[in-house]
Each structure stands twice: as C-alpha cells, then as structure tokens.
Amino acid sequence: TGEWVHVAITTDNLKGVHLCYINGKLKQSITGRRDKQNVVPGRANVIGGNNVSNNYFPGEIYSIALYNDVRSEREIKRDATSPSPNGLVAAWNLSGAGSTVRDISGHGYDATKR
C-alpha cells in the first residue's frame, strides 16, 4: 500500500507464547512450543524469508532490532522509533547501499543483505 508498517514479534518459549504486534497493537497470539524447525544447519539465518522454501517478504524492510528478552507492548511502541539499549543484542538499518549492514548496537553483529 506504499506505507510503512512497524511489525514486532515476541517469543517466550518457556511459556509457549508468541505475539505479533502491528504498529504497536497486538494483532495475533499463538500458543504452544515452537521448535526451531526452520533452522537449517550450516546455513545462515534469514530475516524476511526462510531457508526451506526460498519464499521472501515482497516488500522493503527498513530496520531490524533483536532483543534478548520478551518486550512488553509499551516497550514495543517506544522502540518502534528508537531502539532501547536495554536488552538490545543487535540492530541494523537496511536503507543504505551495499551488501554489508553494520550492527548499530555496537555489539559487532554485522549482516549481509541479499
């Protein structure tokens, strides 16, 4: 539709709860343990696609932030415009040119665009 949308997904494997937020509002909740069935040994993790069927997200991804905790709805709304350093593992701004994307969190998890 030509407009930016903020998507946040939280996963709490201990509780078996997976939440999807669109523009800061809870849109979907899935319960049940989800094993890492889409992780293929020896292949890189893929954001916006998967290693099994090579299907990819048909839009643009502007930025990505990964946290080591389950974010609350309030934190997700706040982090939508500026990632909080609390619990931040890595963050990437994908809008630049080139295939290497620097981790702006300062943790050194640089990534490669495809």
N, C-alpha and C. Protein backbone atom coordinates (compact mmCIF):
# COMPACT_ATOMS: atom_id res chain seq x y z
N THR A 1 0.82 -1.21 0.00
CA THR A 1 0.00 0.00 0.00
C THR A 1 0.85 1.26 0.00
N GLY A 2 2.16 1.12 -0.01
CA GLY A 2 3.03 2.29 -0.05
C GLY A 2 3.24 2.97 1.28
N GLU A 3 2.85 2.35 2.38
CA GLU A 3 3.06 2.98 3.69
C GLU A 3 3.91 2.07 4.57
N TRP A 4 4.66 2.71 5.48
CA TRP A 4 5.50 1.95 6.40
C TRP A 4 4.64 1.37 7.51
N VAL A 5 4.99 0.14 7.91
CA VAL A 5 4.29 -0.55 8.98
C VAL A 5 5.36 -1.09 9.94
N HIS A 6 5.14 -0.91 11.24
CA HIS A 6 6.05 -1.46 12.23
C HIS A 6 5.52 -2.81 12.67
N VAL A 7 6.36 -3.84 12.55
CA VAL A 7 6.00 -5.20 12.95
C VAL A 7 6.96 -5.64 14.05
N ALA A 8 6.41 -6.17 15.14
CA ALA A 8 7.23 -6.70 16.23
C ALA A 8 6.68 -8.07 16.60
N ILE A 9 7.59 -9.02 16.78
CA ILE A 9 7.20 -10.37 17.17
C ILE A 9 7.98 -10.73 18.42
N THR A 10 7.27 -11.21 19.43
CA THR A 10 7.92 -11.67 20.66
C THR A 10 7.69 -13.16 20.80
N THR A 11 8.69 -13.84 21.33
CA THR A 11 8.60 -15.28 21.54
C THR A 11 9.07 -15.60 22.95
N ASP A 12 8.19 -16.25 23.70
CA ASP A 12 8.54 -16.73 25.03
C ASP A 12 8.39 -18.24 25.00
N ASN A 13 9.48 -18.94 24.68
CA ASN A 13 9.41 -20.40 24.56
C ASN A 13 9.13 -21.09 25.88
N LEU A 14 9.51 -20.49 27.01
CA LEU A 14 9.22 -21.11 28.30
C LEU A 14 7.72 -21.18 28.56
N LYS A 15 7.00 -20.13 28.16
CA LYS A 15 5.55 -20.09 28.34
C LYS A 15 4.81 -20.60 27.11
N GLY A 16 5.52 -20.72 25.99
CA GLY A 16 4.87 -21.16 24.75
C GLY A 16 3.95 -20.10 24.18
N VAL A 17 4.34 -18.82 24.31
CA VAL A 17 3.50 -17.72 23.83
C VAL A 17 4.28 -16.92 22.78
N HIS A 18 3.64 -16.68 21.65
CA HIS A 18 4.23 -15.94 20.54
C HIS A 18 3.24 -14.85 20.15
N LEU A 19 3.68 -13.59 20.19
CA LEU A 19 2.79 -12.45 19.93
C LEU A 19 3.28 -11.66 18.75
N CYS A 20 2.35 -11.18 17.93
CA CYS A 20 2.67 -10.34 16.79
C CYS A 20 1.96 -8.99 16.95
N TYR A 21 2.75 -7.93 16.92
CA TYR A 21 2.23 -6.57 17.04
C TYR A 21 2.38 -5.85 15.70
N ILE A 22 1.36 -5.14 15.29
CA ILE A 22 1.40 -4.30 14.09
C ILE A 22 1.16 -2.87 14.55
N ASN A 23 2.12 -2.00 14.25
CA ASN A 23 2.06 -0.60 14.68
C ASN A 23 1.75 -0.46 16.17
N GLY A 24 2.39 -1.32 16.97
CA GLY A 24 2.27 -1.23 18.42
C GLY A 24 1.04 -1.86 19.02
N LYS A 25 0.18 -2.47 18.20
CA LYS A 25 -1.04 -3.10 18.72
C LYS A 25 -0.99 -4.60 18.48
N LEU A 26 -1.36 -5.36 19.52
CA LEU A 26 -1.37 -6.81 19.41
C LEU A 26 -2.37 -7.25 18.34
N LYS A 27 -1.90 -8.00 17.36
CA LYS A 27 -2.76 -8.47 16.27
C LYS A 27 -2.97 -9.97 16.29
N GLN A 28 -1.98 -10.73 16.81
CA GLN A 28 -2.12 -12.18 16.80
C GLN A 28 -1.34 -12.78 17.96
N SER A 29 -1.91 -13.83 18.54
CA SER A 29 -1.28 -14.57 19.62
C SER A 29 -1.33 -16.05 19.27
N ILE A 30 -0.19 -16.72 19.36
CA ILE A 30 -0.12 -18.15 19.10
C ILE A 30 0.46 -18.80 20.35
N THR A 31 -0.18 -19.88 20.80
CA THR A 31 0.36 -20.58 21.97
C THR A 31 0.84 -21.96 21.54
N GLY A 32 1.78 -22.46 22.29
CA GLY A 32 2.36 -23.77 22.00
C GLY A 32 3.85 -23.63 21.72
N ARG A 33 4.58 -24.59 22.14
CA ARG A 33 6.03 -24.58 21.95
C ARG A 33 6.35 -24.66 20.46
N ARG A 34 7.26 -23.82 20.03
CA ARG A 34 7.70 -23.80 18.63
C ARG A 34 9.17 -24.14 18.60
N ASP A 35 9.51 -25.32 18.13
CA ASP A 35 10.90 -25.68 18.00
C ASP A 35 11.48 -24.98 16.78
N LYS A 36 12.76 -24.99 16.68
CA LYS A 36 13.45 -24.27 15.60
C LYS A 36 13.45 -25.09 14.31
N GLN A 37 12.26 -25.42 13.81
CA GLN A 37 12.17 -26.28 12.65
C GLN A 37 12.67 -25.63 11.36
N ASN A 38 12.76 -24.32 11.30
CA ASN A 38 13.23 -23.67 10.08
C ASN A 38 14.72 -23.34 10.12
N VAL A 39 15.41 -23.76 11.16
CA VAL A 39 16.85 -23.54 11.23
C VAL A 39 17.53 -24.70 10.51
N VAL A 40 18.28 -24.37 9.46
CA VAL A 40 18.96 -25.39 8.67
C VAL A 40 20.45 -25.37 9.04
N PRO A 41 20.98 -26.48 9.58
CA PRO A 41 22.40 -26.50 9.97
C PRO A 41 23.30 -26.10 8.80
N GLY A 42 24.29 -25.25 9.09
CA GLY A 42 25.25 -24.85 8.07
C GLY A 42 24.79 -23.72 7.16
N ARG A 43 23.58 -23.22 7.36
CA ARG A 43 23.07 -22.12 6.54
C ARG A 43 22.79 -20.92 7.43
N ALA A 44 22.90 -19.75 6.86
CA ALA A 44 22.68 -18.51 7.60
C ALA A 44 21.21 -18.35 7.95
N ASN A 45 20.94 -17.68 9.09
CA ASN A 45 19.57 -17.30 9.42
C ASN A 45 19.10 -16.26 8.42
N VAL A 46 17.82 -16.28 8.09
CA VAL A 46 17.25 -15.37 7.10
C VAL A 46 16.12 -14.59 7.74
N ILE A 47 16.13 -13.28 7.60
CA ILE A 47 15.03 -12.43 8.05
C ILE A 47 14.30 -11.95 6.81
N GLY A 48 13.00 -12.14 6.78
CA GLY A 48 12.22 -11.77 5.61
C GLY A 48 12.11 -12.91 4.62
N GLY A 49 12.46 -14.12 5.04
CA GLY A 49 12.39 -15.29 4.18
C GLY A 49 12.66 -16.52 5.01
N ASN A 50 12.97 -17.63 4.35
CA ASN A 50 13.34 -18.83 5.10
C ASN A 50 14.31 -19.67 4.30
N ASN A 51 14.96 -20.60 4.97
CA ASN A 51 15.96 -21.46 4.34
C ASN A 51 15.36 -22.72 3.72
N VAL A 52 14.07 -22.91 3.85
CA VAL A 52 13.46 -24.14 3.39
C VAL A 52 12.85 -23.98 2.00
N SER A 53 12.00 -22.97 1.81
CA SER A 53 11.29 -22.85 0.53
C SER A 53 11.73 -21.67 -0.32
N ASN A 54 12.67 -20.86 0.18
CA ASN A 54 13.15 -19.68 -0.54
C ASN A 54 12.04 -18.68 -0.88
N ASN A 55 11.01 -18.62 -0.04
CA ASN A 55 9.98 -17.58 -0.17
C ASN A 55 10.47 -16.36 0.59
N TYR A 56 10.27 -15.17 0.01
CA TYR A 56 10.75 -13.95 0.64
C TYR A 56 9.64 -12.92 0.78
N PHE A 57 9.76 -12.07 1.79
CA PHE A 57 8.84 -10.97 2.03
C PHE A 57 8.82 -10.06 0.80
N PRO A 58 7.64 -9.74 0.25
CA PRO A 58 7.57 -8.97 -1.00
C PRO A 58 7.59 -7.45 -0.83
N GLY A 59 8.24 -6.97 0.19
CA GLY A 59 8.30 -5.53 0.42
C GLY A 59 9.70 -5.13 0.86
N GLU A 60 9.81 -3.96 1.44
CA GLU A 60 11.10 -3.48 1.92
C GLU A 60 11.14 -3.54 3.44
N ILE A 61 12.27 -3.92 3.98
CA ILE A 61 12.48 -3.92 5.42
C ILE A 61 13.47 -2.80 5.70
N TYR A 62 13.05 -1.83 6.48
CA TYR A 62 13.88 -0.64 6.73
C TYR A 62 14.90 -0.87 7.84
N SER A 63 14.44 -1.47 8.93
CA SER A 63 15.36 -1.71 10.05
C SER A 63 14.92 -2.92 10.84
N ILE A 64 15.89 -3.49 11.58
CA ILE A 64 15.64 -4.67 12.40
C ILE A 64 16.36 -4.49 13.73
N ALA A 65 15.70 -4.86 14.80
CA ALA A 65 16.34 -4.85 16.12
C ALA A 65 15.99 -6.17 16.81
N LEU A 66 17.00 -6.80 17.40
CA LEU A 66 16.81 -8.05 18.13
C LEU A 66 17.14 -7.83 19.60
N TYR A 67 16.27 -8.31 20.47
CA TYR A 67 16.44 -8.17 21.91
C TYR A 67 16.57 -9.54 22.56
N ASN A 68 17.19 -9.59 23.73
CA ASN A 68 17.36 -10.86 24.43
C ASN A 68 16.30 -11.09 25.49
N ASP A 69 15.21 -10.33 25.41
CA ASP A 69 14.10 -10.50 26.34
C ASP A 69 12.78 -10.36 25.60
N VAL A 70 11.70 -10.71 26.27
CA VAL A 70 10.37 -10.56 25.67
C VAL A 70 9.91 -9.14 25.94
N ARG A 71 9.72 -8.35 24.89
CA ARG A 71 9.33 -6.95 25.01
C ARG A 71 7.85 -6.82 25.34
N SER A 72 7.52 -5.85 26.20
CA SER A 72 6.12 -5.56 26.52
C SER A 72 5.53 -4.69 25.41
N GLU A 73 4.22 -4.57 25.39
CA GLU A 73 3.57 -3.72 24.39
C GLU A 73 4.07 -2.28 24.51
N ARG A 74 4.25 -1.81 25.72
CA ARG A 74 4.75 -0.44 25.94
C ARG A 74 6.17 -0.28 25.38
N GLU A 75 7.03 -1.28 25.63
CA GLU A 75 8.40 -1.22 25.10
C GLU A 75 8.41 -1.26 23.57
N ILE A 76 7.54 -2.06 23.00
CA ILE A 76 7.47 -2.17 21.53
C ILE A 76 7.07 -0.84 20.92
N LYS A 77 6.08 -0.17 21.50
CA LYS A 77 5.68 1.15 20.99
C LYS A 77 6.83 2.14 21.08
N ARG A 78 7.55 2.14 22.20
CA ARG A 78 8.67 3.05 22.38
C ARG A 78 9.83 2.72 21.43
N ASP A 79 10.13 1.44 21.28
CA ASP A 79 11.26 1.01 20.46
C ASP A 79 11.00 1.14 18.96
N ALA A 80 9.76 1.38 18.56
CA ALA A 80 9.44 1.48 17.14
C ALA A 80 10.19 2.61 16.44
N THR A 81 10.46 3.68 17.15
CA THR A 81 11.16 4.82 16.54
C THR A 81 12.63 4.89 16.92
N SER A 82 12.98 4.33 18.06
CA SER A 82 14.37 4.38 18.52
C SER A 82 14.64 3.19 19.43
N PRO A 83 15.41 2.21 18.96
CA PRO A 83 15.65 1.02 19.78
C PRO A 83 16.28 1.36 21.14
N SER A 84 15.72 0.78 22.19
CA SER A 84 16.26 0.95 23.53
C SER A 84 17.52 0.10 23.67
N PRO A 85 18.54 0.59 24.35
CA PRO A 85 19.75 -0.22 24.54
C PRO A 85 19.55 -1.36 25.54
N ASN A 86 18.49 -1.29 26.36
CA ASN A 86 18.25 -2.33 27.36
C ASN A 86 17.83 -3.63 26.69
N GLY A 87 18.67 -4.65 26.80
CA GLY A 87 18.38 -5.94 26.20
C GLY A 87 18.66 -6.04 24.71
N LEU A 88 19.15 -4.97 24.11
CA LEU A 88 19.41 -4.95 22.67
C LEU A 88 20.62 -5.83 22.35
N VAL A 89 20.42 -6.79 21.47
CA VAL A 89 21.50 -7.68 21.03
C VAL A 89 22.13 -7.15 19.75
N ALA A 90 21.29 -6.73 18.80
CA ALA A 90 21.78 -6.23 17.52
C ALA A 90 20.71 -5.37 16.87
N ALA A 91 21.15 -4.43 16.05
CA ALA A 91 20.21 -3.56 15.31
C ALA A 91 20.84 -3.19 13.98
N TRP A 92 20.02 -3.20 12.95
CA TRP A 92 20.51 -2.88 11.61
C TRP A 92 19.58 -1.91 10.91
N ASN A 93 20.16 -0.91 10.23
CA ASN A 93 19.42 -0.01 9.35
C ASN A 93 19.71 -0.50 7.95
N LEU A 94 18.69 -0.96 7.25
CA LEU A 94 18.87 -1.60 5.95
C LEU A 94 18.71 -0.66 4.77
N SER A 95 18.55 0.63 5.01
CA SER A 95 18.25 1.56 3.92
C SER A 95 19.46 1.94 3.08
N GLY A 96 20.66 1.66 3.52
CA GLY A 96 21.86 2.06 2.78
C GLY A 96 22.19 1.14 1.63
N ALA A 97 23.15 1.57 0.82
CA ALA A 97 23.61 0.78 -0.31
C ALA A 97 24.63 -0.24 0.15
N GLY A 98 24.90 -1.21 -0.69
CA GLY A 98 25.91 -2.22 -0.38
C GLY A 98 25.30 -3.46 0.25
N SER A 99 26.09 -4.52 0.32
CA SER A 99 25.58 -5.78 0.84
C SER A 99 25.89 -5.99 2.32
N THR A 100 26.89 -5.30 2.86
CA THR A 100 27.20 -5.43 4.28
C THR A 100 26.43 -4.40 5.08
N VAL A 101 25.76 -4.85 6.13
CA VAL A 101 24.99 -3.97 7.00
C VAL A 101 25.63 -3.99 8.38
N ARG A 102 26.06 -2.84 8.85
CA ARG A 102 26.73 -2.74 10.14
C ARG A 102 25.73 -2.79 11.29
N ASP A 103 26.09 -3.49 12.33
CA ASP A 103 25.29 -3.57 13.55
C ASP A 103 25.45 -2.25 14.31
N ILE A 104 24.38 -1.46 14.38
CA ILE A 104 24.46 -0.14 15.02
C ILE A 104 24.32 -0.21 16.55
N SER A 105 24.15 -1.43 17.09
CA SER A 105 24.05 -1.58 18.55
C SER A 105 25.42 -1.49 19.20
N GLY A 106 26.48 -1.66 18.41
CA GLY A 106 27.83 -1.65 18.96
C GLY A 106 28.32 -3.03 19.38
N HIS A 107 27.52 -4.10 19.13
CA HIS A 107 27.90 -5.44 19.53
C HIS A 107 28.64 -6.22 18.43
N GLY A 108 28.73 -5.63 17.23
CA GLY A 108 29.52 -6.23 16.17
C GLY A 108 28.87 -7.34 15.37
N TYR A 109 27.54 -7.46 15.40
CA TYR A 109 26.85 -8.48 14.63
C TYR A 109 26.49 -7.95 13.24
N ASP A 110 27.49 -7.69 12.44
CA ASP A 110 27.24 -7.20 11.09
C ASP A 110 26.51 -8.28 10.28
N ALA A 111 25.75 -7.86 9.27
CA ALA A 111 24.93 -8.79 8.50
C ALA A 111 25.17 -8.55 7.01
N THR A 112 24.61 -9.44 6.20
CA THR A 112 24.72 -9.34 4.75
C THR A 112 23.33 -9.29 4.14
N LYS A 113 23.10 -8.30 3.26
CA LYS A 113 21.83 -8.20 2.54
C LYS A 113 21.90 -9.09 1.32
N ARG A 114 20.77 -9.67 0.97
CA ARG A 114 20.67 -10.47 -0.26
C ARG A 114 19.80 -9.77 -1.25
